[in-house]
C-alpha cells in the first residue's frame, strides 16, 4: 500500500513539472502577443506596476536630492562661519586700536609745537633691540631724531634715536645708556634717573630725602610727566645715600601705539645718552 502511494506521488510530480513549465511559457507568449496586438490594453493592465516603479524612483530621487541639499547647506554654513569669524577678529582688532589711540590722549590745542604724530609699533622688546621700539612712521611722515615718544595716558617712553623714510627707532628711557633728569615725590626732589633695562629704572638719593616706596617719578615734558613709581629702596643703613628701584608706568613689552612729539629744547637738555 505504502509503495503504491509513493509511486503515485512521484508520477504526479514528474508529470506536473512539464505542465507548469509549459503553462509559464504559454503565459509569456500570450503577454507578448497582447503587447504586440493591443499595446494600449497591455499598458493599461501594467499601469499599477508601472506606477509603483515610478513612485519608488521618485522617492529615491527625493532622498538623493535631500542629501545633496544638506551637503550644500553645510558647505554654505561653514563658509558663513569662517566669514563671521574673520569679521569678529577684525572688529576686535579695530576696537583694540581705537582704545589704544584714545589712550594716547588728544593734542593740546594751545601748544605751539607741531601737532603730534600717532604711529603704530611694529617691533618691541624682546623682538626689537634691547629697550627700543620701532614705530611705523618715518621721515616721510615728519618724524625726526630727538622727538619724544609717549604711551597711553601721556606717559613718556623715550626719544627718537634714528629715522628712515618709513620707520623710526625709539630709545626707551629704560635703556641702560640713558640718563634723564627728573623728580621724585610730591616735593619734586631732583634726581638723575638711570635706565636699567627691561623697562626698569634706578636713582640715587640722599637718605634724609625721605623718599618712600610708592612715590611717583617724573621727567620733564609739557610739565612734569610721570614715568614710574618707586618699587623698592636699597641701601646700607650706615650709607649717606640709598638706591631707588623704579618700576615703569607702562609695560614696554605690550606697547602697540605711540605718540611722537617735539617737546623742545627743555626736554632735549634733560635727557642724555652715554655710551
Protein backbone atom coordinates (compact mmCIF):
# COMPACT_ATOMS: atom_id res chain seq x y z
CA UNK A 1 0.00 0.00 0.00
CA UNK A 2 2.81 2.43 1.03
CA UNK A 3 4.80 1.63 -2.09
CA UNK A 4 1.75 2.24 -4.29
CA UNK A 5 1.22 5.78 -2.70
CA UNK A 6 4.84 6.77 -3.20
CA UNK A 7 4.86 5.63 -6.76
CA UNK A 8 1.65 7.54 -7.46
CA UNK A 9 3.07 10.79 -5.89
CA UNK A 10 6.28 10.59 -7.84
CA UNK A 11 4.35 10.04 -11.03
CA UNK A 12 2.19 13.12 -10.35
CA UNK A 13 5.21 15.34 -9.58
CA UNK A 14 7.04 14.12 -12.63
CA UNK A 15 4.07 14.85 -14.83
CA UNK A 16 3.42 18.29 -13.14
CA UNK A 17 6.86 19.73 -13.91
CA UNK A 18 6.48 19.89 -17.65
CA UNK A 19 2.87 21.03 -17.19
CA UNK A 20 3.85 24.10 -15.10
CA UNK A 21 6.75 24.94 -17.38
CA UNK A 22 4.51 24.75 -20.40
CA UNK A 23 1.96 26.96 -18.68
CA UNK A 24 4.55 29.66 -17.90
CA UNK A 25 5.80 29.61 -21.44
CA UNK A 26 2.28 29.89 -22.76
CA UNK A 27 1.57 32.90 -20.47
CA UNK A 28 4.71 34.67 -21.65
CA UNK A 29 3.77 34.06 -25.29
CA UNK A 30 0.26 35.39 -24.68
CA UNK A 31 1.61 38.51 -22.90
CA UNK A 32 3.95 39.21 -25.82
CA UNK A 33 1.16 38.74 -28.32
CA UNK A 34 -1.10 41.04 -26.26
CA UNK A 35 1.57 43.76 -26.23
CA UNK A 36 2.07 43.46 -29.98
CA UNK A 37 -1.61 43.20 -30.92
CA UNK A 38 -3.12 45.54 -28.30
CA UNK A 39 -0.40 47.68 -26.74
CA UNK A 40 -2.92 50.01 -25.15
CA UNK A 41 -4.62 47.20 -23.26
CA UNK A 42 -1.28 45.82 -22.14
CA UNK A 43 -0.13 49.17 -20.79
CA UNK A 44 -3.48 49.64 -19.04
CA UNK A 45 -3.12 46.25 -17.38
CA UNK A 46 0.51 47.00 -16.40
CA UNK A 47 -0.27 50.51 -15.12
CA UNK A 48 -0.33 49.58 -11.40
CA UNK A 49 3.13 48.02 -11.60
CA UNK A 50 4.49 50.94 -13.62
CA UNK A 51 3.02 53.42 -11.13
CA UNK A 52 4.68 51.62 -8.25
CA UNK A 53 8.01 51.73 -10.11
CA UNK A 54 7.64 55.47 -10.80
CA UNK A 55 6.83 56.15 -7.14
CA UNK A 56 9.89 54.24 -5.99
CA UNK A 57 12.08 56.10 -8.48
CA UNK A 58 10.68 59.49 -7.36
CA UNK A 59 11.20 58.59 -3.70
CA UNK A 60 14.80 57.65 -4.40
CA UNK A 61 15.34 60.90 -6.25
CA UNK A 62 13.91 62.89 -3.35
CA UNK A 63 16.20 61.13 -0.87
CA UNK A 64 19.24 61.77 -3.06
CA UNK A 65 18.23 65.41 -3.53
CA UNK A 66 17.77 65.83 0.21
CA UNK A 67 21.28 64.54 0.85
CA UNK A 68 22.68 66.84 -1.86
CA UNK A 69 20.83 69.87 -0.42
CA UNK A 70 22.09 69.05 3.07
CA UNK A 71 25.70 68.89 1.86
CA UNK A 72 25.33 72.21 0.02
CA UNK A 73 23.75 73.85 3.06
CA UNK A 74 26.51 72.54 5.32
CA UNK A 75 29.15 73.97 2.96
CA UNK A 76 27.39 77.36 2.94
CA UNK A 77 27.11 77.36 6.74
CA UNK A 78 30.81 76.58 7.06
CA UNK A 79 31.68 79.43 4.72
CA UNK A 80 29.46 81.85 6.67
CA UNK A 81 31.03 80.70 9.93
CA UNK A 82 34.53 81.37 8.59
CA UNK A 83 33.49 84.80 7.28
CA UNK A 84 31.88 85.71 10.62
CA UNK A 85 34.99 84.59 12.50
CA UNK A 86 37.17 86.75 10.26
CA UNK A 87 34.87 89.76 10.75
CA UNK A 88 34.82 89.22 14.51
CA UNK A 89 38.62 89.13 14.62
CA UNK A 90 38.79 92.29 12.51
CA UNK A 91 36.31 94.05 14.81
CA UNK A 92 38.33 93.09 17.88
CA UNK A 93 41.47 94.46 16.25
CA UNK A 94 39.72 97.72 15.36
CA UNK A 95 38.32 98.09 18.88
CA UNK A 96 41.76 97.46 20.40
CA UNK A 97 43.29 100.01 18.02
CA UNK A 98 40.62 102.58 18.90
CA UNK A 99 41.14 102.04 22.62
CA UNK A 100 44.93 102.35 22.28
CA UNK A 101 44.76 105.51 20.20
CA UNK A 102 42.21 107.09 22.56
CA UNK A 103 44.52 106.26 25.45
CA UNK A 104 47.24 108.40 23.92
CA UNK A 105 45.11 111.48 24.52
CA UNK A 106 44.28 114.37 22.25
CA UNK A 107 46.76 117.05 21.15
CA UNK A 108 46.92 120.23 23.19
CA UNK A 109 45.35 122.91 21.05
CA UNK A 110 47.24 125.63 22.94
CA UNK A 111 50.66 124.07 22.29
CA UNK A 112 52.87 125.98 19.86
CA UNK A 113 54.83 122.86 18.81
CA UNK A 114 53.83 120.94 15.67
CA UNK A 115 50.94 118.52 16.01
CA UNK A 116 51.97 115.14 17.40
CA UNK A 117 52.09 112.03 15.21
CA UNK A 118 50.35 108.76 16.07
CA UNK A 119 52.39 105.74 14.99
CA UNK A 120 51.83 102.03 15.36
CA UNK A 121 54.60 99.99 16.97
CA UNK A 122 55.85 97.23 14.67
CA UNK A 123 58.56 95.87 16.97
CA UNK A 124 59.08 95.99 20.73
CA UNK A 125 61.15 94.17 23.36
CA UNK A 126 62.17 91.41 23.27
CA UNK A 127 61.79 91.29 19.45
CA UNK A 128 63.47 94.63 18.86
CA UNK A 129 66.89 95.64 20.10
CA UNK A 130 67.29 95.97 23.84
CA UNK A 131 64.82 98.57 25.21
CA UNK A 132 63.94 100.06 21.85
CA UNK A 133 60.74 100.37 19.83
CA UNK A 134 60.31 100.50 16.06
CA UNK A 135 57.43 102.75 15.01
CA UNK A 136 55.70 102.73 11.61
CA UNK A 137 56.33 106.43 10.91
CA UNK A 138 59.45 107.99 9.48
CA UNK A 139 60.98 110.92 7.73
CA UNK A 140 58.21 110.97 5.11
CA UNK A 141 55.67 111.43 7.93
CA UNK A 142 57.55 114.30 9.55
CA UNK A 143 59.44 112.31 12.21
CA UNK A 144 62.94 113.49 13.11
CA UNK A 145 65.56 112.47 15.64
CA UNK A 146 65.04 113.96 19.09
CA UNK A 147 61.26 113.77 19.13
CA UNK A 148 59.80 112.35 22.34
CA UNK A 149 57.60 109.24 22.36
CA UNK A 150 54.59 108.94 24.67
CA UNK A 151 52.40 105.99 25.59
CA UNK A 152 48.86 105.64 26.91
CA UNK A 153 47.94 108.33 29.42
CA UNK A 154 50.70 110.61 28.16
CA UNK A 155 53.45 108.55 29.84
CA UNK A 156 56.87 109.45 28.37
CA UNK A 157 58.62 106.44 26.88
CA UNK A 158 61.81 107.66 25.23
CA UNK A 159 63.24 109.62 22.33
CA UNK A 160 63.58 109.01 18.61
CA UNK A 161 67.19 107.98 18.05
CA UNK A 162 67.15 107.03 14.34
CA UNK A 163 64.84 107.69 11.39
CA UNK A 164 64.34 106.22 7.92
CA UNK A 165 61.81 107.25 5.29
CA UNK A 166 59.11 104.94 6.68
CA UNK A 167 60.20 103.90 10.18
CA UNK A 168 61.76 105.34 13.31
CA UNK A 169 63.56 103.82 16.27
CA UNK A 170 62.71 104.95 19.78
CA UNK A 171 65.29 104.51 22.53
CA UNK A 172 63.37 103.97 25.75
CA UNK A 173 64.32 105.86 28.90
CA UNK A 174 64.88 102.43 30.46
CA UNK A 175 67.78 101.68 28.08
CA UNK A 176 70.98 101.13 30.10
CA UNK A 177 72.77 104.01 28.35
CA UNK A 178 70.02 106.55 29.06
CA UNK A 179 70.24 109.17 31.83
CA UNK A 180 67.30 111.51 32.35
CA UNK A 181 66.91 114.40 34.77
CA UNK A 182 63.70 114.20 36.75
CA UNK A 183 61.97 114.48 40.13
CA UNK A 184 60.59 112.16 42.77
CA UNK A 185 57.66 112.59 45.15
CA UNK A 186 55.24 115.36 45.87
CA UNK A 187 58.14 117.67 46.82
CA UNK A 188 59.81 117.15 43.42
CA UNK A 189 63.18 116.01 44.74
CA UNK A 190 65.59 116.29 41.76
CA UNK A 191 67.33 113.07 40.71
CA UNK A 192 69.13 111.56 37.76
CA UNK A 193 67.09 108.61 36.50
CA UNK A 194 69.22 105.81 35.07
CA UNK A 195 67.91 103.15 32.71
CA UNK A 196 68.41 99.61 33.97
CA UNK A 197 66.97 97.67 31.02
CA UNK A 198 63.75 95.64 30.70
CA UNK A 199 61.71 98.79 31.35
CA UNK A 200 63.10 99.49 34.83
CA UNK A 201 65.00 102.47 36.27
CA UNK A 202 67.10 103.40 39.25
CA UNK A 203 68.09 106.58 41.01
CA UNK A 204 70.29 107.55 43.93
CA UNK A 205 69.09 109.98 46.61
CA UNK A 206 70.25 111.20 49.97
CA UNK A 207 68.96 109.17 52.90
CA UNK A 208 67.45 112.25 54.51
CA UNK A 209 65.38 112.95 51.35
CA UNK A 210 62.64 110.82 52.91
CA UNK A 211 61.60 109.12 49.69
CA UNK A 212 59.19 106.22 50.23
CA UNK A 213 58.08 103.24 48.16
CA UNK A 214 55.11 104.18 46.01
CA UNK A 215 56.31 107.75 45.33
CA UNK A 216 55.81 108.88 41.74
CA UNK A 217 58.80 109.58 39.50
CA UNK A 218 58.59 112.38 36.92
CA UNK A 219 60.51 113.60 33.89
CA UNK A 220 60.16 116.97 32.13
CA UNK A 221 57.96 117.46 29.10
CA UNK A 222 54.97 119.73 28.87
CA UNK A 223 55.10 119.95 32.67
CA UNK A 224 56.15 117.10 34.96
CA UNK A 225 55.17 113.76 33.45
CA UNK A 226 55.02 110.51 35.49
CA UNK A 227 57.41 107.85 34.20
CA UNK A 228 57.15 105.30 37.02
CA UNK A 229 56.92 104.66 40.75
CA UNK A 230 59.43 103.75 43.43
CA UNK A 231 59.07 99.99 43.88
CA UNK A 232 61.87 99.33 46.38
CA UNK A 233 64.60 101.17 48.27
CA UNK A 234 68.02 99.52 48.70
CA UNK A 235 70.96 100.67 50.77
CA UNK A 236 73.06 100.26 53.89
CA UNK A 237 71.69 101.99 56.96
CA UNK A 238 75.15 103.48 57.56
CA UNK A 239 75.49 104.87 54.00
CA UNK A 240 74.55 108.51 53.29
CA UNK A 241 72.65 107.58 50.09
CA UNK A 242 70.18 104.93 49.06
CA UNK A 243 69.25 103.42 45.70
CA UNK A 244 65.71 103.61 44.41
CA UNK A 245 64.37 100.80 42.21
CA UNK A 246 61.75 102.29 39.90
CA UNK A 247 59.05 100.36 38.08
CA UNK A 248 57.80 101.76 34.75
CA UNK A 249 54.34 103.31 34.44
CA UNK A 250 53.86 101.50 31.09
CA UNK A 251 54.95 97.97 30.27
CA UNK A 252 57.31 98.25 27.26
CA UNK A 253 56.56 94.66 26.23
CA UNK A 254 52.91 95.47 25.43
CA UNK A 255 53.09 98.89 23.75
CA UNK A 256 51.13 98.96 20.47
CA UNK A 257 50.87 102.69 19.67
CA UNK A 258 52.99 105.74 20.45
CA UNK A 259 52.58 109.47 20.06
CA UNK A 260 55.65 111.25 18.71
CA UNK A 261 56.02 114.92 19.58
CA UNK A 262 58.68 117.63 19.56
CA UNK A 263 58.84 118.73 23.19
CA UNK A 264 61.50 121.35 22.59
CA UNK A 265 64.94 122.21 23.90
CA UNK A 266 63.97 121.93 27.58
CA UNK A 267 63.40 118.23 27.31
CA UNK A 268 66.36 117.66 24.98
CA UNK A 269 68.63 119.19 27.60
CA UNK A 270 67.25 116.89 30.32
CA UNK A 271 67.88 113.58 28.52
CA UNK A 272 71.35 112.35 27.72
CA UNK A 273 72.70 109.13 26.26
CA UNK A 274 76.01 107.68 27.39
CA UNK A 275 78.00 105.03 25.52
